[in-house]
Amino acid sequence: MPDFGDQPSVTVVNINSDASPTIFRVDKDNIGTTEVLVRIAAWLKEEEALIINLSVTPNNLCVVAALKDDWLGRFLKALHGPEATSI
């Protein structure tokens, strides 16, 4: 497995040019856990996202999709789960 150094563990690329932001990167421990991945999958379904690519390793998640406007707050709530406060 290549060493990506200090790369953020989560990268989301939104190909919908009418929605922003288009790229979001953040660090998240344990991104490859079942709990986190199920929340992200549920979020993608709720967003009715057109998924172009989804790559998952135990330490990294990369999503390329067409997302709705103002998706970032909803994504962060899915990413951080019930412990997420006002995002």
PDB file of N, CA and C in Angstrom:
ATOM      1  N   MET A   1       0.844  -1.176   0.000  1.00  0.00           N
ATOM      2  CA  MET A   1       0.000   0.000   0.000  1.00  0.00           C
ATOM      3  C   MET A   1       0.889   1.238   0.000  1.00  0.00           C
ATOM      4  N   PRO A   2       0.649   2.171  -0.884  1.00  0.00           N
ATOM      5  CA  PRO A   2       1.474   3.379  -0.906  1.00  0.00           C
ATOM      6  C   PRO A   2       1.263   4.220   0.342  1.00  0.00           C
ATOM      7  N   ASP A   3       2.301   4.921   0.746  1.00  0.00           N
ATOM      8  CA  ASP A   3       2.206   5.830   1.882  1.00  0.00           C
ATOM      9  C   ASP A   3       1.873   7.220   1.352  1.00  0.00           C
ATOM     10  N   PHE A   4       0.709   7.727   1.732  1.00  0.00           N
ATOM     11  CA  PHE A   4       0.278   9.034   1.258  1.00  0.00           C
ATOM     12  C   PHE A   4       0.665  10.151   2.223  1.00  0.00           C
ATOM     13  N   GLY A   5       1.465   9.825   3.233  1.00  0.00           N
ATOM     14  CA  GLY A   5       1.950  10.849   4.146  1.00  0.00           C
ATOM     15  C   GLY A   5       0.837  11.502   4.930  1.00  0.00           C
ATOM     16  N   ASP A   6       0.840  12.816   4.956  1.00  0.00           N
ATOM     17  CA  ASP A   6      -0.122  13.579   5.743  1.00  0.00           C
ATOM     18  C   ASP A   6      -1.373  13.947   4.961  1.00  0.00           C
ATOM     19  N   GLN A   7      -1.733  13.149   3.986  1.00  0.00           N
ATOM     20  CA  GLN A   7      -2.929  13.424   3.201  1.00  0.00           C
ATOM     21  C   GLN A   7      -4.166  13.308   4.087  1.00  0.00           C
ATOM     22  N   PRO A   8      -5.160  14.162   3.875  1.00  0.00           N
ATOM     23  CA  PRO A   8      -6.420  14.011   4.609  1.00  0.00           C
ATOM     24  C   PRO A   8      -7.020  12.632   4.357  1.00  0.00           C
ATOM     25  N   SER A   9      -7.683  12.098   5.364  1.00  0.00           N
ATOM     26  CA  SER A   9      -8.222  10.751   5.246  1.00  0.00           C
ATOM     27  C   SER A   9      -9.548  10.704   4.507  1.00  0.00           C
ATOM     28  N   VAL A  10     -10.207  11.843   4.335  1.00  0.00           N
ATOM     29  CA  VAL A  10     -11.477  11.888   3.614  1.00  0.00           C
ATOM     30  C   VAL A  10     -11.389  12.964   2.534  1.00  0.00           C
ATOM     31  N   THR A  11     -11.726  12.576   1.311  1.00  0.00           N
ATOM     32  CA  THR A  11     -11.784  13.522   0.201  1.00  0.00           C
ATOM     33  C   THR A  11     -13.110  13.329  -0.512  1.00  0.00           C
ATOM     34  N   VAL A  12     -13.845  14.412  -0.697  1.00  0.00           N
ATOM     35  CA  VAL A  12     -15.098  14.373  -1.444  1.00  0.00           C
ATOM     36  C   VAL A  12     -14.963  15.354  -2.601  1.00  0.00           C
ATOM     37  N   VAL A  13     -15.213  14.863  -3.810  1.00  0.00           N
ATOM     38  CA  VAL A  13     -15.185  15.699  -5.005  1.00  0.00           C
ATOM     39  C   VAL A  13     -16.605  15.741  -5.558  1.00  0.00           C
ATOM     40  N   ASN A  14     -17.160  16.942  -5.641  1.00  0.00           N
ATOM     41  CA  ASN A  14     -18.514  17.130  -6.154  1.00  0.00           C
ATOM     42  C   ASN A  14     -18.417  17.587  -7.608  1.00  0.00           C
ATOM     43  N   ILE A  15     -18.918  16.773  -8.533  1.00  0.00           N
ATOM     44  CA  ILE A  15     -18.821  17.132  -9.950  1.00  0.00           C
ATOM     45  C   ILE A  15     -19.978  18.006 -10.416  1.00  0.00           C
ATOM     46  N   ASN A  16     -20.934  18.270  -9.530  1.00  0.00           N
ATOM     47  CA  ASN A  16     -22.055  19.149  -9.867  1.00  0.00           C
ATOM     48  C   ASN A  16     -21.566  20.596  -9.797  1.00  0.00           C
ATOM     49  N   SER A  17     -21.367  21.217 -10.943  1.00  0.00           N
ATOM     50  CA  SER A  17     -20.815  22.578 -10.972  1.00  0.00           C
ATOM     51  C   SER A  17     -21.781  23.627 -10.427  1.00  0.00           C
ATOM     52  N   ASP A  18     -23.052  23.268 -10.275  1.00  0.00           N
ATOM     53  CA  ASP A  18     -24.031  24.207  -9.727  1.00  0.00           C
ATOM     54  C   ASP A  18     -24.080  24.170  -8.206  1.00  0.00           C
ATOM     55  N   ALA A  19     -23.400  23.219  -7.588  1.00  0.00           N
ATOM     56  CA  ALA A  19     -23.408  23.073  -6.133  1.00  0.00           C
ATOM     57  C   ALA A  19     -22.000  23.313  -5.594  1.00  0.00           C
ATOM     58  N   SER A  20     -21.937  23.797  -4.384  1.00  0.00           N
ATOM     59  CA  SER A  20     -20.617  24.025  -3.805  1.00  0.00           C
ATOM     60  C   SER A  20     -20.590  23.502  -2.373  1.00  0.00           C
ATOM     61  N   PRO A  21     -19.433  23.196  -1.822  1.00  0.00           N
ATOM     62  CA  PRO A  21     -18.132  23.272  -2.470  1.00  0.00           C
ATOM     63  C   PRO A  21     -17.927  22.117  -3.445  1.00  0.00           C
ATOM     64  N   THR A  22     -16.928  22.254  -4.278  1.00  0.00           N
ATOM     65  CA  THR A  22     -16.653  21.193  -5.244  1.00  0.00           C
ATOM     66  C   THR A  22     -15.658  20.177  -4.705  1.00  0.00           C
ATOM     67  N   ILE A  23     -14.776  20.596  -3.806  1.00  0.00           N
ATOM     68  CA  ILE A  23     -13.817  19.673  -3.193  1.00  0.00           C
ATOM     69  C   ILE A  23     -13.770  19.941  -1.696  1.00  0.00           C
ATOM     70  N   PHE A  24     -13.785  18.852  -0.923  1.00  0.00           N
ATOM     71  CA  PHE A  24     -13.689  18.960   0.531  1.00  0.00           C
ATOM     72  C   PHE A  24     -12.756  17.868   1.020  1.00  0.00           C
ATOM     73  N   ARG A  25     -11.827  18.248   1.898  1.00  0.00           N
ATOM     74  CA  ARG A  25     -10.891  17.284   2.464  1.00  0.00           C
ATOM     75  C   ARG A  25     -10.814  17.500   3.966  1.00  0.00           C
ATOM     76  N   VAL A  26     -10.763  16.383   4.714  1.00  0.00           N
ATOM     77  CA  VAL A  26     -10.705  16.470   6.171  1.00  0.00           C
ATOM     78  C   VAL A  26     -10.075  15.191   6.722  1.00  0.00           C
ATOM     79  N   ASP A  27      -9.485  15.290   7.900  1.00  0.00           N
ATOM     80  CA  ASP A  27      -8.975  14.108   8.589  1.00  0.00           C
ATOM     81  C   ASP A  27     -10.070  13.529   9.464  1.00  0.00           C
ATOM     82  N   LYS A  28     -10.128  12.210   9.511  1.00  0.00           N
ATOM     83  CA  LYS A  28     -11.099  11.513  10.361  1.00  0.00           C
ATOM     84  C   LYS A  28     -10.486  10.181  10.759  1.00  0.00           C
ATOM     85  N   ASP A  29     -10.341   9.958  12.052  1.00  0.00           N
ATOM     86  CA  ASP A  29      -9.839   8.675  12.527  1.00  0.00           C
ATOM     87  C   ASP A  29     -10.863   7.582  12.250  1.00  0.00           C
ATOM     88  N   ASN A  30     -10.380   6.395  12.020  1.00  0.00           N
ATOM     89  CA  ASN A  30     -11.229   5.208  11.856  1.00  0.00           C
ATOM     90  C   ASN A  30     -12.258   5.355  10.748  1.00  0.00           C
ATOM     91  N   ILE A  31     -11.876   5.941   9.635  1.00  0.00           N
ATOM     92  CA  ILE A  31     -12.825   6.164   8.542  1.00  0.00           C
ATOM     93  C   ILE A  31     -13.325   4.857   7.946  1.00  0.00           C
ATOM     94  N   GLY A  32     -12.538   3.796   8.043  1.00  0.00           N
ATOM     95  CA  GLY A  32     -12.927   2.531   7.433  1.00  0.00           C
ATOM     96  C   GLY A  32     -13.791   1.642   8.309  1.00  0.00           C
ATOM     97  N   THR A  33     -14.293   2.158   9.436  1.00  0.00           N
ATOM     98  CA  THR A  33     -15.128   1.330  10.302  1.00  0.00           C
ATOM     99  C   THR A  33     -16.516   1.153   9.698  1.00  0.00           C
ATOM    100  N   THR A  34     -17.131   0.052  10.036  1.00  0.00           N
ATOM    101  CA  THR A  34     -18.473  -0.234   9.523  1.00  0.00           C
ATOM    102  C   THR A  34     -19.451   0.868   9.892  1.00  0.00           C
ATOM    103  N   GLU A  35     -19.386   1.347  11.128  1.00  0.00           N
ATOM    104  CA  GLU A  35     -20.316   2.385  11.593  1.00  0.00           C
ATOM    105  C   GLU A  35     -20.236   3.639  10.724  1.00  0.00           C
ATOM    106  N   VAL A  36     -19.038   4.111  10.469  1.00  0.00           N
ATOM    107  CA  VAL A  36     -18.865   5.325   9.663  1.00  0.00           C
ATOM    108  C   VAL A  36     -19.295   5.074   8.220  1.00  0.00           C
ATOM    109  N   LEU A  37     -18.894   3.951   7.662  1.00  0.00           N
ATOM    110  CA  LEU A  37     -19.232   3.661   6.266  1.00  0.00           C
ATOM    111  C   LEU A  37     -20.734   3.507   6.058  1.00  0.00           C
ATOM    112  N   VAL A  38     -21.437   2.933   7.022  1.00  0.00           N
ATOM    113  CA  VAL A  38     -22.895   2.810   6.913  1.00  0.00           C
ATOM    114  C   VAL A  38     -23.545   4.191   6.948  1.00  0.00           C
ATOM    115  N   ARG A  39     -23.054   5.090   7.808  1.00  0.00           N
ATOM    116  CA  ARG A  39     -23.600   6.457   7.850  1.00  0.00           C
ATOM    117  C   ARG A  39     -23.355   7.185   6.534  1.00  0.00           C
ATOM    118  N   ILE A  40     -22.158   7.021   5.955  1.00  0.00           N
ATOM    119  CA  ILE A  40     -21.849   7.670   4.680  1.00  0.00           C
ATOM    120  C   ILE A  40     -22.722   7.089   3.573  1.00  0.00           C
ATOM    121  N   ALA A  41     -22.912   5.781   3.570  1.00  0.00           N
ATOM    122  CA  ALA A  41     -23.768   5.150   2.556  1.00  0.00           C
ATOM    123  C   ALA A  41     -25.203   5.654   2.669  1.00  0.00           C
ATOM    124  N   ALA A  42     -25.716   5.774   3.888  1.00  0.00           N
ATOM    125  CA  ALA A  42     -27.077   6.287   4.090  1.00  0.00           C
ATOM    126  C   ALA A  42     -27.174   7.733   3.611  1.00  0.00           C
ATOM    127  N   TRP A  43     -26.140   8.528   3.876  1.00  0.00           N
ATOM    128  CA  TRP A  43     -26.124   9.918   3.413  1.00  0.00           C
ATOM    129  C   TRP A  43     -26.145   9.978   1.894  1.00  0.00           C
ATOM    130  N   LEU A  44     -25.327   9.176   1.226  1.00  0.00           N
ATOM    131  CA  LEU A  44     -25.305   9.169  -0.239  1.00  0.00           C
ATOM    132  C   LEU A  44     -26.676   8.800  -0.801  1.00  0.00           C
ATOM    133  N   LYS A  45     -27.345   7.845  -0.153  1.00  0.00           N
ATOM    134  CA  LYS A  45     -28.686   7.454  -0.601  1.00  0.00           C
ATOM    135  C   LYS A  45     -29.675   8.601  -0.403  1.00  0.00           C
ATOM    136  N   GLU A  46     -29.654   9.232   0.767  1.00  0.00           N
ATOM    137  CA  GLU A  46     -30.563  10.348   1.046  1.00  0.00           C
ATOM    138  C   GLU A  46     -30.328  11.519   0.096  1.00  0.00           C
ATOM    139  N   GLU A  47     -29.080  11.732  -0.282  1.00  0.00           N
ATOM    140  CA  GLU A  47     -28.731  12.812  -1.206  1.00  0.00           C
ATOM    141  C   GLU A  47     -29.114  12.479  -2.644  1.00  0.00           C
ATOM    142  N   GLU A  48     -29.464  11.225  -2.885  1.00  0.00           N
ATOM    143  CA  GLU A  48     -29.706  10.746  -4.249  1.00  0.00           C
ATOM    144  C   GLU A  48     -28.506  11.085  -5.126  1.00  0.00           C
ATOM    145  N   ALA A  49     -27.321  10.841  -4.565  1.00  0.00           N
ATOM    146  CA  ALA A  49     -26.071  11.190  -5.235  1.00  0.00           C
ATOM    147  C   ALA A  49     -25.801  10.256  -6.405  1.00  0.00           C
ATOM    148  N   LEU A  50     -25.329  10.821  -7.490  1.00  0.00           N
ATOM    149  CA  LEU A  50     -24.839  10.039  -8.615  1.00  0.00           C
ATOM    150  C   LEU A  50     -23.373   9.754  -8.314  1.00  0.00           C
ATOM    151  N   ILE A  51     -23.076   8.519  -7.917  1.00  0.00           N
ATOM    152  CA  ILE A  51     -21.723   8.153  -7.505  1.00  0.00           C
ATOM    153  C   ILE A  51     -20.909   7.785  -8.732  1.00  0.00           C
ATOM    154  N   ILE A  52     -19.817   8.494  -8.933  1.00  0.00           N
ATOM    155  CA  ILE A  52     -18.909   8.236 -10.038  1.00  0.00           C
ATOM    156  C   ILE A  52     -17.828   7.267  -9.597  1.00  0.00           C
ATOM    157  N   ASN A  53     -17.284   7.476  -8.403  1.00  0.00           N
ATOM    158  CA  ASN A  53     -16.239   6.617  -7.871  1.00  0.00           C
ATOM    159  C   ASN A  53     -16.287   6.674  -6.355  1.00  0.00           C
ATOM    160  N   LEU A  54     -16.024   5.534  -5.739  1.00  0.00           N
ATOM    161  CA  LEU A  54     -15.969   5.443  -4.286  1.00  0.00           C
ATOM    162  C   LEU A  54     -14.818   4.513  -3.947  1.00  0.00           C
ATOM    163  N   SER A  55     -13.826   5.025  -3.245  1.00  0.00           N
ATOM    164  CA  SER A  55     -12.661   4.232  -2.861  1.00  0.00           C
ATOM    165  C   SER A  55     -12.544   4.238  -1.349  1.00  0.00           C
ATOM    166  N   VAL A  56     -12.368   3.049  -0.773  1.00  0.00           N
ATOM    167  CA  VAL A  56     -12.288   2.926   0.674  1.00  0.00           C
ATOM    168  C   VAL A  56     -11.108   2.041   1.043  1.00  0.00           C
ATOM    169  N   THR A  57     -10.321   2.502   1.997  1.00  0.00           N
ATOM    170  CA  THR A  57      -9.307   1.686   2.651  1.00  0.00           C
ATOM    171  C   THR A  57      -9.546   1.853   4.147  1.00  0.00           C
ATOM    172  N   PRO A  58      -8.861   1.104   4.990  1.00  0.00           N
ATOM    173  CA  PRO A  58      -9.073   1.290   6.431  1.00  0.00           C
ATOM    174  C   PRO A  58      -8.806   2.717   6.909  1.00  0.00           C
ATOM    175  N   ASN A  59      -7.975   3.470   6.179  1.00  0.00           N
ATOM    176  CA  ASN A  59      -7.611   4.808   6.639  1.00  0.00           C
ATOM    177  C   ASN A  59      -8.031   5.936   5.717  1.00  0.00           C
ATOM    178  N   ASN A  60      -8.637   5.627   4.580  1.00  0.00           N
ATOM    179  CA  ASN A  60      -8.979   6.675   3.614  1.00  0.00           C
ATOM    180  C   ASN A  60     -10.323   6.405   2.954  1.00  0.00           C
ATOM    181  N   LEU A  61     -11.007   7.487   2.641  1.00  0.00           N
ATOM    182  CA  LEU A  61     -12.259   7.426   1.893  1.00  0.00           C
ATOM    183  C   LEU A  61     -12.206   8.523   0.840  1.00  0.00           C
ATOM    184  N   CYS A  62     -12.488   8.156  -0.398  1.00  0.00           N
ATOM    185  CA  CYS A  62     -12.554   9.132  -1.479  1.00  0.00           C
ATOM    186  C   CYS A  62     -13.871   8.928  -2.214  1.00  0.00           C
ATOM    187  N   VAL A  63     -14.662   9.980  -2.306  1.00  0.00           N
ATOM    188  CA  VAL A  63     -15.953   9.936  -2.982  1.00  0.00           C
ATOM    189  C   VAL A  63     -15.934  10.962  -4.109  1.00  0.00           C
ATOM    190  N   VAL A  64     -16.285  10.520  -5.302  1.00  0.00           N
ATOM    191  CA  VAL A  64     -16.495  11.422  -6.434  1.00  0.00           C
ATOM    192  C   VAL A  64     -17.950  11.232  -6.834  1.00  0.00           C
ATOM    193  N   ALA A  65     -18.739  12.293  -6.733  1.00  0.00           N
ATOM    194  CA  ALA A  65     -20.175  12.161  -6.972  1.00  0.00           C
ATOM    195  C   ALA A  65     -20.775  13.504  -7.369  1.00  0.00           C
ATOM    196  N   ALA A  66     -21.979  13.448  -7.916  1.00  0.00           N
ATOM    197  CA  ALA A  66     -22.773  14.647  -8.173  1.00  0.00           C
ATOM    198  C   ALA A  66     -23.673  14.834  -6.955  1.00  0.00           C
ATOM    199  N   LEU A  67     -23.455  15.928  -6.232  1.00  0.00           N
ATOM    200  CA  LEU A  67     -24.164  16.176  -4.983  1.00  0.00           C
ATOM    201  C   LEU A  67     -25.020  17.430  -5.080  1.00  0.00           C
ATOM    202  N   LYS A  68     -26.032  17.487  -4.211  1.00  0.00           N
ATOM    203  CA  LYS A  68     -26.918  18.651  -4.172  1.00  0.00           C
ATOM    204  C   LYS A  68     -26.213  19.834  -3.515  1.00  0.00           C
ATOM    205  N   ASP A  69     -26.762  21.022  -3.720  1.00  0.00           N
ATOM    206  CA  ASP A  69     -26.211  22.228  -3.116  1.00  0.00           C
ATOM    207  C   ASP A  69     -26.287  22.124  -1.594  1.00  0.00           C
ATOM    208  N   ASP A  70     -25.375  22.797  -0.928  1.00  0.00           N
ATOM    209  CA  ASP A  70     -25.316  22.829   0.536  1.00  0.00           C
ATOM    210  C   ASP A  70     -25.158  21.443   1.152  1.00  0.00           C
ATOM    211  N   TRP A  71     -24.430  20.579   0.486  1.00  0.00           N
ATOM    212  CA  TRP A  71     -24.256  19.200   0.928  1.00  0.00           C
ATOM    213  C   TRP A  71     -23.287  19.062   2.094  1.00  0.00           C
ATOM    214  N   LEU A  72     -22.417  20.023   2.289  1.00  0.00           N
ATOM    215  CA  LEU A  72     -21.323  19.861   3.242  1.00  0.00           C
ATOM    216  C   LEU A  72     -21.799  19.635   4.680  1.00  0.00           C
ATOM    217  N   GLY A  73     -22.729  20.425   5.162  1.00  0.00           N
ATOM    218  CA  GLY A  73     -23.228  20.249   6.527  1.00  0.00           C
ATOM    219  C   GLY A  73     -23.847  18.885   6.734  1.00  0.00           C
ATOM    220  N   ARG A  74     -24.612  18.428   5.760  1.00  0.00           N
ATOM    221  CA  ARG A  74     -25.235  17.106   5.854  1.00  0.00           C
ATOM    222  C   ARG A  74     -24.167  16.010   5.835  1.00  0.00           C
ATOM    223  N   PHE A  75     -23.137  16.197   5.018  1.00  0.00           N
ATOM    224  CA  PHE A  75     -22.050  15.223   4.967  1.00  0.00           C
ATOM    225  C   PHE A  75     -21.319  15.151   6.306  1.00  0.00           C
ATOM    226  N   LEU A  76     -21.022  16.302   6.893  1.00  0.00           N
ATOM    227  CA  LEU A  76     -20.303  16.316   8.168  1.00  0.00           C
ATOM    228  C   LEU A  76     -21.099  15.640   9.272  1.00  0.00           C
ATOM    229  N   LYS A  77     -22.406  15.822   9.278  1.00  0.00           N
ATOM    230  CA  LYS A  77     -23.237  15.127  10.266  1.00  0.00           C
ATOM    231  C   LYS A  77     -23.180  13.626  10.048  1.00  0.00           C
ATOM    232  N   ALA A  78     -23.185  13.188   8.798  1.00  0.00           N
ATOM    233  CA  ALA A  78     -23.069  11.756   8.506  1.00  0.00           C
ATOM    234  C   ALA A  78     -21.687  11.242   8.895  1.00  0.00           C
ATOM    235  N   LEU A  79     -20.670  12.015   8.621  1.00  0.00           N
ATOM    236  CA  LEU A  79     -19.295  11.605   8.907  1.00  0.00           C
ATOM    237  C   LEU A  79     -19.056  11.457  10.403  1.00  0.00           C
ATOM    238  N   HIS A  80     -19.508  12.423  11.179  1.00  0.00           N
ATOM    239  CA  HIS A  80     -19.217  12.436  12.609  1.00  0.00           C
ATOM    240  C   HIS A  80     -20.291  11.770  13.455  1.00  0.00           C
ATOM    241  N   GLY A  81     -21.443  11.493  12.898  1.00  0.00           N
ATOM    242  CA  GLY A  81     -22.477  10.754  13.601  1.00  0.00           C
ATOM    243  C   GLY A  81     -23.161  11.531  14.705  1.00  0.00           C
ATOM    244  N   PRO A  82     -23.740  10.799  15.658  1.00  0.00           N
ATOM    245  CA  PRO A  82     -24.550  11.416  16.707  1.00  0.00           C
ATOM    246  C   PRO A  82     -23.796  12.437  17.552  1.00  0.00           C
ATOM    247  N   GLU A  83     -22.465  12.292  17.653  1.00  0.00           N
ATOM    248  CA  GLU A  83     -21.701  13.237  18.469  1.00  0.00           C
ATOM    249  C   GLU A  83     -21.512  14.583  17.784  1.00  0.00           C
ATOM    250  N   ALA A  84     -21.918  14.690  16.524  1.00  0.00           N
ATOM    251  CA  ALA A  84     -21.778  15.953  15.788  1.00  0.00           C
ATOM    252  C   ALA A  84     -22.679  17.006  16.418  1.00  0.00           C
ATOM    253  N   THR A  85     -22.094  18.166  16.665  1.00  0.00           N
ATOM    254  CA  THR A  85     -22.879  19.279  17.192  1.00  0.00           C
ATOM    255  C   THR A  85     -23.156  20.230  16.045  1.00  0.00           C
ATOM    256  N   SER A  86     -23.547  21.414  16.330  1.00  0.00           N
ATOM    257  CA  SER A  86     -23.919  22.357  15.277  1.00  0.00           C
ATOM    258  C   SER A  86     -22.787  22.513  14.269  1.00  0.00           C
ATOM    259  N   ILE A  87     -23.017  21.986  13.114  1.00  0.00           N
ATOM    260  CA  ILE A  87     -22.030  22.012  12.026  1.00  0.00           C
ATOM    261  C   ILE A  87     -22.564  22.915  10.946  1.00  0.00           C
TER     262      ILE A  87
END
